[in-house]
Structure formats: C-alpha cells, structure tokens
PDB file of N, CA and C in Angstrom:
ATOM      1  N   MET A   1     238.129 191.458  15.061  1.00  0.00           N
ATOM      2  CA  MET A   1     238.111 190.587  13.340  1.00  0.00           C
ATOM      3  C   MET A   1     236.779 190.944  12.969  1.00  0.00           C
ATOM      4  N   ARG A   2     237.003 191.428  11.831  1.00  0.00           N
ATOM      5  CA  ARG A   2     235.937 191.818  11.023  1.00  0.00           C
ATOM      6  C   ARG A   2     235.454 190.626   9.995  1.00  0.00           C
ATOM      7  N   PHE A   3     234.148 190.640  10.037  1.00  0.00           N
ATOM      8  CA  PHE A   3     233.167 189.642   9.121  1.00  0.00           C
ATOM      9  C   PHE A   3     232.717 190.196   7.883  1.00  0.00           C
ATOM     10  N   LYS A   4     232.318 189.401   7.408  1.00  0.00           N
ATOM     11  CA  LYS A   4     231.550 189.898   6.102  1.00  0.00           C
ATOM     12  C   LYS A   4     230.314 188.657   6.050  1.00  0.00           C
ATOM     13  N   LEU A   5     228.893 189.035   5.362  1.00  0.00           N
ATOM     14  CA  LEU A   5     228.034 187.899   5.423  1.00  0.00           C
ATOM     15  C   LEU A   5     227.810 187.572   3.836  1.00  0.00           C
ATOM     16  N   ILE A   6     228.333 186.446   3.409  1.00  0.00           N
ATOM     17  CA  ILE A   6     227.637 186.015   2.318  1.00  0.00           C
ATOM     18  C   ILE A   6     226.532 185.601   2.192  1.00  0.00           C
ATOM     19  N   VAL A   7     225.525 185.925   1.168  1.00  0.00           N
ATOM     20  CA  VAL A   7     224.172 185.361   0.842  1.00  0.00           C
ATOM     21  C   VAL A   7     224.318 185.161  -0.692  1.00  0.00           C
ATOM     22  N   ALA A   8     223.902 183.816  -0.555  1.00  0.00           N
ATOM     23  CA  ALA A   8     223.636 183.136  -1.867  1.00  0.00           C
ATOM     24  C   ALA A   8     222.295 182.497  -1.887  1.00  0.00           C
ATOM     25  N   MET A   9     221.669 182.647  -3.090  1.00  0.00           N
ATOM     26  CA  MET A   9     220.478 181.861  -2.995  1.00  0.00           C
ATOM     27  C   MET A   9     220.676 181.192  -4.792  1.00  0.00           C
ATOM     28  N   VAL A  10     220.246 179.954  -4.126  1.00  0.00           N
ATOM     29  CA  VAL A  10     220.723 178.650  -5.430  1.00  0.00           C
ATOM     30  C   VAL A  10     219.623 177.745  -5.590  1.00  0.00           C
ATOM     31  N   GLU A  11     219.751 177.124  -6.939  1.00  0.00           N
ATOM     32  CA  GLU A  11     218.509 176.010  -6.899  1.00  0.00           C
ATOM     33  C   GLU A  11     219.106 174.784  -5.727  1.00  0.00           C
ATOM     34  N   ASP A  12     217.855 174.476  -5.200  1.00  0.00           N
ATOM     35  CA  ASP A  12     218.034 173.451  -4.272  1.00  0.00           C
ATOM     36  C   ASP A  12     218.985 172.182  -4.350  1.00  0.00           C
ATOM     37  N   ASP A  13     219.039 171.781  -5.748  1.00  0.00           N
ATOM     38  CA  ASP A  13     219.743 170.743  -6.068  1.00  0.00           C
ATOM     39  C   ASP A  13     221.367 171.119  -5.827  1.00  0.00           C
ATOM     40  N   LEU A  14     221.662 171.974  -5.808  1.00  0.00           N
ATOM     41  CA  LEU A  14     223.373 172.852  -5.530  1.00  0.00           C
ATOM     42  C   LEU A  14     223.504 172.928  -4.473  1.00  0.00           C
ATOM     43  N   THR A  15     222.728 172.921  -3.161  1.00  0.00           N
ATOM     44  CA  THR A  15     223.143 173.329  -2.167  1.00  0.00           C
ATOM     45  C   THR A  15     224.345 172.627  -1.289  1.00  0.00           C
ATOM     46  N   ASN A  16     224.140 171.297  -1.689  1.00  0.00           N
ATOM     47  CA  ASN A  16     225.355 170.562  -0.992  1.00  0.00           C
ATOM     48  C   ASN A  16     226.679 170.851  -1.866  1.00  0.00           C
ATOM     49  N   THR A  17     226.530 170.652  -2.568  1.00  0.00           N
ATOM     50  CA  THR A  17     227.933 171.001  -3.390  1.00  0.00           C
ATOM     51  C   THR A  17     228.483 172.305  -3.482  1.00  0.00           C
ATOM     52  N   LEU A  18     227.633 173.475  -3.120  1.00  0.00           N
ATOM     53  CA  LEU A  18     228.117 175.039  -2.670  1.00  0.00           C
ATOM     54  C   LEU A  18     228.436 174.716  -1.124  1.00  0.00           C
ATOM     55  N   LEU A  19     228.069 174.233  -0.735  1.00  0.00           N
ATOM     56  CA  LEU A  19     228.498 174.246   0.869  1.00  0.00           C
ATOM     57  C   LEU A  19     229.657 173.692   0.957  1.00  0.00           C
ATOM     58  N   ASP A  20     230.116 172.546   0.317  1.00  0.00           N
ATOM     59  CA  ASP A  20     231.331 171.880   0.326  1.00  0.00           C
ATOM     60  C   ASP A  20     232.554 172.771  -0.262  1.00  0.00           C
ATOM     61  N   ALA A  21     231.960 173.210  -1.481  1.00  0.00           N
ATOM     62  CA  ALA A  21     232.902 174.200  -2.185  1.00  0.00           C
ATOM     63  C   ALA A  21     233.227 175.406  -1.077  1.00  0.00           C
ATOM     64  N   ALA A  22     232.431 176.120  -0.283  1.00  0.00           N
ATOM     65  CA  ALA A  22     232.391 177.023   0.726  1.00  0.00           C
ATOM     66  C   ALA A  22     233.240 176.912   1.780  1.00  0.00           C
ATOM     67  N   ARG A  23     233.320 175.451   2.062  1.00  0.00           N
ATOM     68  CA  ARG A  23     234.103 175.252   3.140  1.00  0.00           C
ATOM     69  C   ARG A  23     235.549 174.833   2.915  1.00  0.00           C
ATOM     70  N   GLN A  24     235.605 174.301   1.736  1.00  0.00           N
ATOM     71  CA  GLN A  24     237.083 174.123   1.308  1.00  0.00           C
ATOM     72  C   GLN A  24     237.625 175.346   0.804  1.00  0.00           C
ATOM     73  N   ALA A  25     236.727 176.492   0.710  1.00  0.00           N
ATOM     74  CA  ALA A  25     237.381 177.617   0.478  1.00  0.00           C
ATOM     75  C   ALA A  25     237.717 178.783   1.973  1.00  0.00           C
ATOM     76  N   GLY A  26     237.353 177.879   2.849  1.00  0.00           N
ATOM     77  CA  GLY A  26     237.699 178.766   4.345  1.00  0.00           C
ATOM     78  C   GLY A  26     236.476 178.926   5.004  1.00  0.00           C
ATOM     79  N   ALA A  27     235.348 178.541   4.403  1.00  0.00           N
ATOM     80  CA  ALA A  27     234.105 179.179   5.351  1.00  0.00           C
ATOM     81  C   ALA A  27     234.052 177.942   6.561  1.00  0.00           C
ATOM     82  N   THR A  28     233.506 178.391   7.685  1.00  0.00           N
ATOM     83  CA  THR A  28     233.626 177.564   8.932  1.00  0.00           C
ATOM     84  C   THR A  28     232.317 177.080   9.351  1.00  0.00           C
ATOM     85  N   GLY A  29     231.501 177.582   8.719  1.00  0.00           N
ATOM     86  CA  GLY A  29     230.034 177.330   8.833  1.00  0.00           C
ATOM     87  C   GLY A  29     229.018 177.803   8.044  1.00  0.00           C
ATOM     88  N   SER A  30     227.775 177.663   8.265  1.00  0.00           N
ATOM     89  CA  SER A  30     226.529 178.042   7.428  1.00  0.00           C
ATOM     90  C   SER A  30     225.411 177.937   8.050  1.00  0.00           C
ATOM     91  N   THR A  31     224.320 178.864   7.374  1.00  0.00           N
ATOM     92  CA  THR A  31     222.731 178.441   7.656  1.00  0.00           C
ATOM     93  C   THR A  31     222.221 178.504   6.367  1.00  0.00           C
ATOM     94  N   VAL A  32     221.130 177.483   6.430  1.00  0.00           N
ATOM     95  CA  VAL A  32     220.447 177.345   5.269  1.00  0.00           C
ATOM     96  C   VAL A  32     219.319 177.461   5.404  1.00  0.00           C
ATOM     97  N   ILE A  33     218.443 178.349   4.712  1.00  0.00           N
ATOM     98  CA  ILE A  33     216.998 178.863   4.892  1.00  0.00           C
ATOM     99  C   ILE A  33     216.556 177.982   3.442  1.00  0.00           C
ATOM    100  N   ASN A  34     215.634 177.182   3.932  1.00  0.00           N
ATOM    101  CA  ASN A  34     214.878 175.941   2.640  1.00  0.00           C
ATOM    102  C   ASN A  34     213.601 176.922   2.159  1.00  0.00           C
ATOM    103  N   ASN A  35     212.944 176.498   0.823  1.00  0.00           N
ATOM    104  CA  ASN A  35     212.250 177.543   0.467  1.00  0.00           C
ATOM    105  C   ASN A  35     212.019 178.584   0.182  1.00  0.00           C
ATOM    106  N   ALA A  36     212.823 179.323  -0.086  1.00  0.00           N
ATOM    107  CA  ALA A  36     212.799 180.542  -0.909  1.00  0.00           C
ATOM    108  C   ALA A  36     212.570 180.581  -2.127  1.00  0.00           C
ATOM    109  N   ARG A  37     212.190 181.744  -2.591  1.00  0.00           N
ATOM    110  CA  ARG A  37     211.869 181.728  -3.783  1.00  0.00           C
ATOM    111  C   ARG A  37     212.411 183.024  -4.444  1.00  0.00           C
ATOM    112  N   GLY A  38     212.609 182.764  -5.771  1.00  0.00           N
ATOM    113  CA  GLY A  38     213.491 183.985  -6.302  1.00  0.00           C
ATOM    114  C   GLY A  38     213.015 184.500  -8.086  1.00  0.00           C
ATOM    115  N   GLU A  39     212.935 185.355  -8.329  1.00  0.00           N
ATOM    116  CA  GLU A  39     212.861 185.724  -9.749  1.00  0.00           C
ATOM    117  C   GLU A  39     213.985 186.202 -10.538  1.00  0.00           C
ATOM    118  N   GLY A  40     214.147 185.968 -11.878  1.00  0.00           N
ATOM    119  CA  GLY A  40     214.753 186.661 -12.130  1.00  0.00           C
ATOM    120  C   GLY A  40     214.403 187.606 -13.332  1.00  0.00           C
ATOM    121  N   LEU A  41     215.026 187.975 -14.488  1.00  0.00           N
ATOM    122  CA  LEU A  41     214.444 189.212 -15.408  1.00  0.00           C
ATOM    123  C   LEU A  41     213.490 189.014 -15.943  1.00  0.00           C
ATOM    124  N   ASN A  42     213.120 187.382 -16.305  1.00  0.00           N
ATOM    125  CA  ASN A  42     212.119 187.229 -17.147  1.00  0.00           C
ATOM    126  C   ASN A  42     211.498 185.623 -16.125  1.00  0.00           C
ATOM    127  N   LYS A  43     210.075 185.803 -16.194  1.00  0.00           N
ATOM    128  CA  LYS A  43     209.775 184.652 -15.428  1.00  0.00           C
ATOM    129  C   LYS A  43     209.504 183.442 -16.303  1.00  0.00           C
ATOM    130  N   ALA A  44     210.119 182.433 -15.827  1.00  0.00           N
ATOM    131  CA  ALA A  44     209.851 180.749 -16.407  1.00  0.00           C
ATOM    132  C   ALA A  44     208.575 180.537 -16.950  1.00  0.00           C
ATOM    133  N   LEU A  45     208.334 180.224 -18.076  1.00  0.00           N
ATOM    134  CA  LEU A  45     206.886 179.712 -17.964  1.00  0.00           C
ATOM    135  C   LEU A  45     206.771 178.387 -18.628  1.00  0.00           C
ATOM    136  N   GLY A  46     206.024 177.171 -18.399  1.00  0.00           N
ATOM    137  CA  GLY A  46     206.219 175.996 -18.691  1.00  0.00           C
ATOM    138  C   GLY A  46     204.835 175.662 -20.101  1.00  0.00           C
ATOM    139  N   ILE A  47     204.743 174.665 -19.744  1.00  0.00           N
ATOM    140  CA  ILE A  47     203.454 174.290 -20.868  1.00  0.00           C
ATOM    141  C   ILE A  47     201.901 175.113 -20.510  1.00  0.00           C
ATOM    142  N   PHE A  48     201.488 175.396 -21.447  1.00  0.00           N
ATOM    143  CA  PHE A  48     200.157 176.326 -21.198  1.00  0.00           C
ATOM    144  C   PHE A  48     200.243 177.629 -20.971  1.00  0.00           C
ATOM    145  N   GLY A  49     201.581 178.086 -20.603  1.00  0.00           N
ATOM    146  CA  GLY A  49     201.926 179.094 -20.050  1.00  0.00           C
ATOM    147  C   GLY A  49     202.145 179.586 -18.469  1.00  0.00           C
ATOM    148  N   MET A  50     201.916 178.310 -18.180  1.00  0.00           N
ATOM    149  CA  MET A  50     202.003 178.634 -16.540  1.00  0.00           C
ATOM    150  C   MET A  50     203.434 178.821 -15.848  1.00  0.00           C
ATOM    151  N   GLU A  51     203.382 179.545 -14.758  1.00  0.00           N
ATOM    152  CA  GLU A  51     204.778 180.025 -14.409  1.00  0.00           C
ATOM    153  C   GLU A  51     205.529 178.993 -13.620  1.00  0.00           C
ATOM    154  N   ILE A  52     206.694 178.607 -14.015  1.00  0.00           N
ATOM    155  CA  ILE A  52     207.616 177.589 -13.127  1.00  0.00           C
ATOM    156  C   ILE A  52     208.215 178.521 -12.249  1.00  0.00           C
ATOM    157  N   THR A  53     208.398 177.709 -10.913  1.00  0.00           N
ATOM    158  CA  THR A  53     209.263 178.664 -10.031  1.00  0.00           C
ATOM    159  C   THR A  53     210.004 177.468  -9.331  1.00  0.00           C
ATOM    160  N   ALA A  54     211.106 177.464  -9.412  1.00  0.00           N
ATOM    161  CA  ALA A  54     211.722 176.582  -9.030  1.00  0.00           C
ATOM    162  C   ALA A  54     212.054 176.719  -7.214  1.00  0.00           C
ATOM    163  N   GLN A  55     212.622 175.470  -6.784  1.00  0.00           N
ATOM    164  CA  GLN A  55     213.090 175.371  -5.076  1.00  0.00           C
ATOM    165  C   GLN A  55     214.278 176.188  -5.149  1.00  0.00           C
ATOM    166  N   ARG A  56     214.408 177.202  -4.296  1.00  0.00           N
ATOM    167  CA  ARG A  56     215.575 178.069  -3.815  1.00  0.00           C
ATOM    168  C   ARG A  56     215.744 177.491  -2.573  1.00  0.00           C
ATOM    169  N   ASP A  57     217.079 177.580  -2.099  1.00  0.00           N
ATOM    170  CA  ASP A  57     217.662 177.645  -1.173  1.00  0.00           C
ATOM    171  C   ASP A  57     218.370 178.708  -0.580  1.00  0.00           C
ATOM    172  N   MET A  58     218.645 179.620   0.446  1.00  0.00           N
ATOM    173  CA  MET A  58     219.269 180.860   0.698  1.00  0.00           C
ATOM    174  C   MET A  58     220.369 180.393   1.840  1.00  0.00           C
ATOM    175  N   LEU A  59     221.633 180.499   1.127  1.00  0.00           N
ATOM    176  CA  LEU A  59     222.754 179.916   2.080  1.00  0.00           C
ATOM    177  C   LEU A  59     223.442 181.488   2.695  1.00  0.00           C
ATOM    178  N   LEU A  60     223.719 181.134   3.983  1.00  0.00           N
ATOM    179  CA  LEU A  60     224.260 182.404   4.563  1.00  0.00           C
ATOM    180  C   LEU A  60     225.424 181.952   5.464  1.00  0.00           C
ATOM    181  N   PHE A  61     226.658 182.578   4.956  1.00  0.00           N
ATOM    182  CA  PHE A  61     228.054 182.326   5.821  1.00  0.00           C
ATOM    183  C   PHE A  61     228.766 183.537   6.303  1.00  0.00           C
ATOM    184  N   LEU A  62     228.644 183.728   7.417  1.00  0.00           N
ATOM    185  CA  LEU A  62     229.652 184.733   8.288  1.00  0.00           C
ATOM    186  C   LEU A  62     231.043 184.378   7.868  1.00  0.00           C
ATOM    187  N   ALA A  63     231.550 185.260   7.512  1.00  0.00           N
ATOM    188  CA  ALA A  63     232.983 184.867   7.180  1.00  0.00           C
ATOM    189  C   ALA A  63     234.264 185.695   7.724  1.00  0.00           C
ATOM    190  N   GLU A  64     235.267 185.495   7.985  1.00  0.00           N
ATOM    191  CA  GLU A  64     236.160 186.352   8.234  1.00  0.00           C
ATOM    192  C   GLU A  64     236.353 187.253   6.971  1.00  0.00           C
ATOM    193  N   ALA A  65     236.731 188.499   6.865  1.00  0.00           N
ATOM    194  CA  ALA A  65     236.734 189.528   6.005  1.00  0.00           C
ATOM    195  C   ALA A  65     237.983 189.279   4.998  1.00  0.00           C
ATOM    196  N   HIS A  66     238.727 188.488   5.531  1.00  0.00           N
ATOM    197  CA  HIS A  66     239.842 188.498   4.267  1.00  0.00           C
ATOM    198  C   HIS A  66     239.644 186.955   3.842  1.00  0.00           C
ATOM    199  N   ARG A  67     238.928 186.292   4.151  1.00  0.00           N
ATOM    200  CA  ARG A  67     238.511 184.776   3.534  1.00  0.00           C
ATOM    201  C   ARG A  67     237.452 185.116   2.626  1.00  0.00           C
ATOM    202  N   SER A  68     236.468 185.855   2.964  1.00  0.00           N
ATOM    203  CA  SER A  68     235.190 186.011   2.072  1.00  0.00           C
ATOM    204  C   SER A  68     235.284 186.088   0.583  1.00  0.00           C
ATOM    205  N   GLN A  69     236.037 186.818   0.157  1.00  0.00           N
ATOM    206  CA  GLN A  69     235.976 187.147  -1.431  1.00  0.00           C
ATOM    207  C   GLN A  69     236.499 185.319  -1.843  1.00  0.00           C
ATOM    208  N   HIS A  70     237.080 184.839  -1.344  1.00  0.00           N
ATOM    209  CA  HIS A  70     238.063 183.714  -1.867  1.00  0.00           C
ATOM    210  C   HIS A  70     236.631 182.611  -1.827  1.00  0.00           C
ATOM    211  N   ILE A  71     235.508 182.562  -0.871  1.00  0.00           N
ATOM    212  CA  ILE A  71     234.417 181.882  -0.541  1.00  0.00           C
ATOM    213  C   ILE A  71     233.152 182.333  -1.348  1.00  0.00           C
ATOM    214  N   LEU A  72     233.445 183.353  -1.507  1.00  0.00           N
ATOM    215  CA  LEU A  72     232.377 184.044  -2.842  1.00  0.00           C
ATOM    216  C   LEU A  72     232.576 183.732  -4.421  1.00  0.00           C
ATOM    217  N   GLU A  73     233.806 183.671  -4.535  1.00  0.00           N
ATOM    218  CA  GLU A  73     234.465 183.295  -5.789  1.00  0.00           C
ATOM    219  C   GLU A  73     234.293 181.716  -6.025  1.00  0.00           C
ATOM    220  N   ALA A  74     234.331 180.879  -5.107  1.00  0.00           N
ATOM    221  CA  ALA A  74     234.292 179.222  -4.985  1.00  0.00           C
ATOM    222  C   ALA A  74     232.936 179.320  -5.081  1.00  0.00           C
ATOM    223  N   ILE A  75     232.183 179.894  -4.455  1.00  0.00           N
ATOM    224  CA  ILE A  75     230.498 179.605  -4.699  1.00  0.00           C
ATOM    225  C   ILE A  75     230.197 179.865  -6.201  1.00  0.00           C
ATOM    226  N   ALA A  76     230.397 181.040  -6.497  1.00  0.00           N
ATOM    227  CA  ALA A  76     230.494 181.230  -8.021  1.00  0.00           C
ATOM    228  C   ALA A  76     230.609 180.495  -8.888  1.00  0.00           C
ATOM    229  N   ARG A  77     231.977 179.913  -8.545  1.00  0.00           N
ATOM    230  CA  ARG A  77     232.623 179.192  -9.853  1.00  0.00           C
ATOM    231  C   ARG A  77     231.811 177.786  -9.723  1.00  0.00           C
ATOM    232  N   VAL A  78     231.690 177.187  -8.651  1.00  0.00           N
ATOM    233  CA  VAL A  78     230.950 175.979  -8.524  1.00  0.00           C
ATOM    234  C   VAL A  78     229.664 175.814  -9.360  1.00  0.00           C
ATOM    235  N   GLY A  79     228.846 177.132  -8.664  1.00  0.00           N
ATOM    236  CA  GLY A  79     227.423 177.137  -9.024  1.00  0.00           C
ATOM    237  C   GLY A  79     227.317 177.634 -10.436  1.00  0.00           C
ATOM    238  N   GLU A  80     228.493 178.080 -11.393  1.00  0.00           N
ATOM    239  CA  GLU A  80     228.283 178.576 -12.592  1.00  0.00           C
ATOM    240  C   GLU A  80     227.308 179.468 -12.688  1.00  0.00           C
ATOM    241  N   PHE A  81     227.224 180.533 -11.766  1.00  0.00           N
ATOM    242  CA  PHE A  81     226.059 181.555 -11.453  1.00  0.00           C
ATOM    243  C   PHE A  81     226.621 182.549 -13.211  1.00  0.00           C
ATOM    244  N   ASP A  82     227.602 182.482 -13.258  1.00  0.00           N
ATOM    245  CA  ASP A  82     227.764 183.384 -14.365  1.00  0.00           C
ATOM    246  C   ASP A  82     227.563 182.976 -15.768  1.00  0.00           C
ATOM    247  N   GLU A  83     228.074 181.532 -15.922  1.00  0.00           N
ATOM    248  CA  GLU A  83     227.985 180.690 -17.135  1.00  0.00           C
ATOM    249  C   GLU A  83     226.355 180.445 -17.260  1.00  0.00           C
ATOM    250  N   THR A  84     225.671 179.674 -16.446  1.00  0.00           N
ATOM    251  CA  THR A  84     224.457 179.230 -16.489  1.00  0.00           C
ATOM    252  C   THR A  84     223.197 180.142 -15.771  1.00  0.00           C
ATOM    253  N   PRO A  85     222.447 181.045 -16.758  1.00  0.00           N
ATOM    254  CA  PRO A  85     221.288 181.616 -15.848  1.00  0.00           C
ATOM    255  C   PRO A  85     220.278 180.875 -15.269  1.00  0.00           C
ATOM    256  N   GLY A  86     219.795 181.752 -13.966  1.00  0.00           N
ATOM    257  CA  GLY A  86     219.054 181.007 -13.073  1.00  0.00           C
ATOM    258  C   GLY A  86     219.456 180.161 -12.187  1.00  0.00           C
ATOM    259  N   THR A  87     220.937 179.771 -12.286  1.00  0.00           N
ATOM    260  CA  THR A  87     221.275 178.921 -11.140  1.00  0.00           C
ATOM    261  C   THR A  87     221.399 179.393  -9.674  1.00  0.00           C
ATOM    262  N   GLY A  88     221.667 180.706  -9.735  1.00  0.00           N
ATOM    263  CA  GLY A  88     222.061 181.435  -8.613  1.00  0.00           C
ATOM    264  C   GLY A  88     222.460 182.796  -8.634  1.00  0.00           C
ATOM    265  N   ILE A  89     222.484 183.181  -7.186  1.00  0.00           N
ATOM    266  CA  ILE A  89     223.336 184.461  -7.176  1.00  0.00           C
ATOM    267  C   ILE A  89     223.803 184.833  -5.902  1.00  0.00           C
ATOM    268  N   ALA A  90     224.934 185.328  -5.870  1.00  0.00           N
ATOM    269  CA  ALA A  90     225.626 185.199  -4.536  1.00  0.00           C
ATOM    270  C   ALA A  90     226.369 186.867  -4.438  1.00  0.00           C
ATOM    271  N   PHE A  91     226.204 187.223  -3.152  1.00  0.00           N
ATOM    272  CA  PHE A  91     226.754 188.363  -2.939  1.00  0.00           C
ATOM    273  C   PHE A  91     227.241 188.729  -1.684  1.00  0.00           C
ATOM    274  N   GLN A  92     228.184 189.674  -0.993  1.00  0.00           N
ATOM    275  CA  GLN A  92     228.289 189.662   0.335  1.00  0.00           C
ATOM    276  C   GLN A  92     228.156 191.164   0.880  1.00  0.00           C
ATOM    277  N   LEU A  93     228.101 191.092   2.112  1.00  0.00           N
ATOM    278  CA  LEU A  93     227.571 192.640   2.794  1.00  0.00           C
ATOM    279  C   LEU A  93     228.888 192.508   3.967  1.00  0.00           C
ATOM    280  N   ASP A  94     229.050 193.862   4.327  1.00  0.00           N
ATOM    281  CA  ASP A  94     230.167 194.361   5.243  1.00  0.00           C
ATOM    282  C   ASP A  94     228.718 194.138   6.652  1.00  0.00           C
ATOM    283  N   VAL A  95     229.290 193.425   7.762  1.00  0.00           N
ATOM    284  CA  VAL A  95     229.192 193.002   9.155  1.00  0.00           C
ATOM    285  C   VAL A  95     229.604 194.002  10.364  1.00  0.00           C
ATOM    286  N   GLU A  96     228.995 194.931  10.727  1.00  0.00           N
ATOM    287  CA  GLU A  96     229.277 195.713  11.436  1.00  0.00           C
ATOM    288  C   GLU A  96     229.800 195.508  12.938  1.00  0.00           C
ATOM    289  N   GLU A  97     228.485 194.628  13.612  1.00  0.00           N
ATOM    290  CA  GLU A  97     229.252 193.976  14.484  1.00  0.00           C
ATOM    291  C   GLU A  97     228.473 192.325  14.594  1.00  0.00           C
ATOM    292  N   ALA A  98     228.923 191.497  15.388  1.00  0.00           N
ATOM    293  CA  ALA A  98     228.554 190.400  15.315  1.00  0.00           C
ATOM    294  C   ALA A  98     228.383 189.774  16.620  1.00  0.00           C
ATOM    295  N   ALA A  99     227.516 188.897  17.377  1.00  0.00           N
ATOM    296  CA  ALA A  99     227.524 188.206  18.499  1.00  0.00           C
ATOM    297  C   ALA A  99     227.498 186.917  18.595  1.00  0.00           C
ATOM    298  N   GLY A 100     227.780 186.073  19.278  1.00  0.00           N
ATOM    299  CA  GLY A 100     227.840 184.584  19.432  1.00  0.00           C
ATOM    300  C   GLY A 100     228.866 183.866  18.734  1.00  0.00           C
ATOM    301  N   VAL A 101     229.590 184.815  17.859  1.00  0.00           N
ATOM    302  CA  VAL A 101     230.968 184.229  17.046  1.00  0.00           C
ATOM    303  C   VAL A 101     232.514 184.031  17.785  1.00  0.00           C
ATOM    304  N   GLN A 102     232.128 184.207  18.999  1.00  0.00           N
ATOM    305  CA  GLN A 102     233.411 184.071  19.913  1.00  0.00           C
ATOM    306  C   GLN A 102     234.297 183.081  19.772  1.00  0.00           C
ATOM    307  N   HIS A 103     233.236 181.966  19.759  1.00  0.00           N
ATOM    308  CA  HIS A 103     233.888 180.456  19.917  1.00  0.00           C
ATOM    309  C   HIS A 103     234.894 180.263  18.426  1.00  0.00           C
ATOM    310  N   GLN A 104     234.203 181.254  17.388  1.00  0.00           N
ATOM    311  CA  GLN A 104     234.851 180.862  15.693  1.00  0.00           C
ATOM    312  C   GLN A 104     236.352 181.978  15.993  1.00  0.00           C
ATOM    313  N   ILE A 105     235.926 182.912  16.695  1.00  0.00           N
ATOM    314  CA  ILE A 105     237.326 183.554  16.778  1.00  0.00           C
ATOM    315  C   ILE A 105     238.476 183.232  17.169  1.00  0.00           C
ATOM    316  N   GLU A 106     238.161 182.295  18.193  1.00  0.00           N
ATOM    317  CA  GLU A 106     239.180 181.975  19.095  1.00  0.00           C
ATOM    318  C   GLU A 106     239.688 180.650  17.988  1.00  0.00           C
ATOM    319  N   ALA A 107     238.910 179.773  17.239  1.00  0.00           N
ATOM    320  CA  ALA A 107     239.450 178.408  16.449  1.00  0.00           C
ATOM    321  C   ALA A 107     240.123 179.092  15.547  1.00  0.00           C
ATOM    322  N   LEU A 108     239.674 180.546  14.933  1.00  0.00           N
ATOM    323  CA  LEU A 108     240.577 180.782  13.684  1.00  0.00           C
ATOM    324  C   LEU A 108     241.805 181.244  14.169  1.00  0.00           C
ATOM    325  N   SER A 109     241.906 182.137  15.397  1.00  0.00           N
ATOM    326  CA  SER A 109     243.307 182.612  15.922  1.00  0.00           C
ATOM    327  C   SER A 109     244.105 181.191  16.277  1.00  0.00           C
ATOM    328  N   ASP A 110     243.468 180.445  16.914  1.00  0.00           N
ATOM    329  CA  ASP A 110     244.208 178.976  17.391  1.00  0.00           C
ATOM    330  C   ASP A 110     245.007 178.407  15.784  1.00  0.00           C
ATOM    331  N   THR A 111     244.116 178.368  14.672  1.00  0.00           N
ATOM    332  CA  THR A 111     244.520 177.499  13.647  1.00  0.00           C
ATOM    333  C   THR A 111     245.338 178.534  12.665  1.00  0.00           C
ATOM    334  N   LYS A 112     245.468 179.762  12.762  1.00  0.00           N
ATOM    335  CA  LYS A 112     246.181 180.795  11.914  1.00  0.00           C
ATOM    336  C   LYS A 112     247.028 181.426  12.664  1.00  0.00           C
ATOM    337  N   GLY A 113     247.131 181.452  14.046  1.00  0.00           N
ATOM    338  CA  GLY A 113     248.198 182.223  14.784  1.00  0.00           C
ATOM    339  C   GLY A 113     248.180 183.414  14.538  1.00  0.00           C
ATOM    340  N   HIS A 114     246.873 184.120  14.205  1.00  0.00           N
ATOM    341  CA  HIS A 114     246.971 185.861  14.507  1.00  0.00           C
ATOM    342  C   HIS A 114     246.029 186.041  15.495  1.00  0.00           C
ATOM    343  N   LYS A 115     246.110 187.296  15.757  1.00  0.00           N
ATOM    344  CA  LYS A 115     245.527 187.904  17.180  1.00  0.00           C
ATOM    345  C   LYS A 115     244.286 188.447  16.800  1.00  0.00           C
ATOM    346  N   ASN A 116     243.201 188.492  17.835  1.00  0.00           N
ATOM    347  CA  ASN A 116     241.821 188.993  17.517  1.00  0.00           C
ATOM    348  C   ASN A 116     241.934 190.499  17.445  1.00  0.00           C
ATOM    349  N   GLN A 117     241.286 190.904  16.008  1.00  0.00           N
ATOM    350  CA  GLN A 117     241.360 192.303  16.112  1.00  0.00           C
ATOM    351  C   GLN A 117     239.911 193.084  16.270  1.00  0.00           C
TER     352      GLN A 117
END
C-alpha cells in the first residue's frame, strides 16, 4: 500500500474544523503539533510596528495515496487557504516507506475489500 504525508500549517482556531474535514474526506488519523510558527511574504505588524505572530498548529496526516488528494482538497477548501491570506498552507509528500501502520492497512483492506499492495 502506498502512502502520502499531508502537512498543514494552520491557525490554531481552525485545527478542529480541519481535522473533522480531513476525517470526512477519508483520513484515518492525524498528529497535531502545537505552537508552530509560520511567516508569510510580509510580516504582520500591529500597533507601534510590533510584529504579530499568530499561534499555528501543524497537522500531519499519513494517508493512503489514492485518498490523499481528496483529503488535501477538503482541508484547503474548509480552511479557505486560497481565499484568505494567512489562514494556512497544506501540501503532500510521497512516503517511501512507513512502519507502524499495519493496523491501518488491515482496517482499510477490511472496509474497502482490496488487497495490500
């Protein structure tokens, strides 16, 4: 079975909404890393020119390859990444090998009726 890693950096108030959207799109689990920091093209400045840094979360999804694009699109749509600058970014990477996912492979095979690849 082939996997992709979906990485999303999002405003922390969007985390639960995006986790729900990813699960509805086929994600079987996730890892959330709190207190990440991101910067866009331009630094956000507030009163007196002080830099504003918003709390970010990093969401990691190890997804079956044929489900990953659907999950990525759901995250981007719900997070309004393309419509609202600064809300987040998401991308996916090929995973060459993965360990510790045998239970996920078995569960996906049982529910979808396909063989491990």
